[in-house]
């Protein structure tokens, strides 16, 4: 396969498996959050997975947001 793109290679090809090994899935309300730990009980949101489209408008669940796991679990 030949890929013609002006994007840098690090954006086109996925990162190594080491970066994904720390990610975990937290179930909540009507979906799941894929997060990575930053300190005890606090996580950085990587991805929201839900069929409820209104959740994607919630700034607290957007990628990069910092959340406390205690209320979610």
Protein backbone atom coordinates (compact mmCIF):
# COMPACT_ATOMS: atom_id res chain seq x y z
CA UNK A 1 0.00 0.00 0.00
CA UNK A 2 1.27 3.48 -0.83
CA UNK A 3 0.16 6.39 1.31
CA UNK A 4 0.55 9.88 -0.12
CA UNK A 5 0.19 12.49 2.60
CA UNK A 6 1.64 15.80 3.73
CA UNK A 7 1.22 14.87 7.38
CA UNK A 8 4.27 13.93 9.48
CA UNK A 9 4.85 10.20 9.93
CA UNK A 10 4.39 10.34 13.71
CA UNK A 11 0.81 11.52 13.14
CA UNK A 12 0.03 8.92 10.49
CA UNK A 13 1.46 5.79 12.10
CA UNK A 14 0.43 4.73 15.60
CA UNK A 15 2.79 4.98 18.52
CA UNK A 16 4.49 2.00 20.09
CA UNK A 17 2.58 -0.33 22.40
CA UNK A 18 4.30 1.12 25.46
CA UNK A 19 2.19 4.27 25.28
CA UNK A 20 -1.03 2.22 25.25
CA UNK A 21 -0.05 -0.12 28.09
CA UNK A 22 -0.97 2.44 30.76
CA UNK A 23 -4.41 3.21 29.35
CA UNK A 24 -7.44 1.73 31.06
CA UNK A 25 -11.19 1.74 30.51
CA UNK A 26 -13.58 3.20 33.09
CA UNK A 27 -17.28 2.38 32.58
CA UNK A 28 -19.74 5.16 33.48
CA UNK A 29 -23.34 6.30 32.80
CA UNK A 30 -23.97 5.29 29.20
CA UNK A 31 -20.48 4.71 27.90
CA UNK A 32 -16.83 4.22 28.66
CA UNK A 33 -13.87 6.49 29.18
CA UNK A 34 -10.41 5.47 28.05
CA UNK A 35 -8.00 7.17 30.43
CA UNK A 36 -4.37 7.16 31.50
CA UNK A 37 -3.33 7.68 35.13
CA UNK A 38 -1.43 10.84 36.03
CA UNK A 39 -1.45 10.52 39.84
CA UNK A 40 -3.30 8.65 42.56
CA UNK A 41 -7.02 8.75 41.80
CA UNK A 42 -6.68 11.26 38.93
CA UNK A 43 -6.77 10.44 35.25
CA UNK A 44 -6.39 12.19 31.90
CA UNK A 45 -9.17 11.44 29.41
CA UNK A 46 -7.86 9.92 26.17
CA UNK A 47 -11.14 8.99 24.51
CA UNK A 48 -14.87 8.88 25.14
CA UNK A 49 -16.79 5.88 23.78
CA UNK A 50 -20.57 6.28 23.95
CA UNK A 51 -23.68 6.09 21.81
CA UNK A 52 -25.14 9.11 23.67
CA UNK A 53 -24.12 12.03 21.45
CA UNK A 54 -24.86 14.63 24.14
CA UNK A 55 -21.92 13.32 26.20
CA UNK A 56 -19.50 14.47 23.50
CA UNK A 57 -20.51 18.08 24.25
CA UNK A 58 -19.52 17.72 27.92
CA UNK A 59 -16.19 19.55 28.40
CA UNK A 60 -15.40 17.46 31.50
CA UNK A 61 -15.25 14.33 29.32
CA UNK A 62 -13.29 15.79 26.41
CA UNK A 63 -9.83 14.40 25.57
CA UNK A 64 -7.15 15.97 27.76
CA UNK A 65 -9.52 16.72 30.63
CA UNK A 66 -8.40 15.70 34.12
CA UNK A 67 -10.95 13.72 36.14
CA UNK A 68 -11.15 12.16 39.59
CA UNK A 69 -11.98 8.46 39.40
CA UNK A 70 -13.74 8.22 42.75
CA UNK A 71 -17.10 9.68 41.59
CA UNK A 72 -17.02 7.62 38.38
CA UNK A 73 -16.24 4.18 39.83
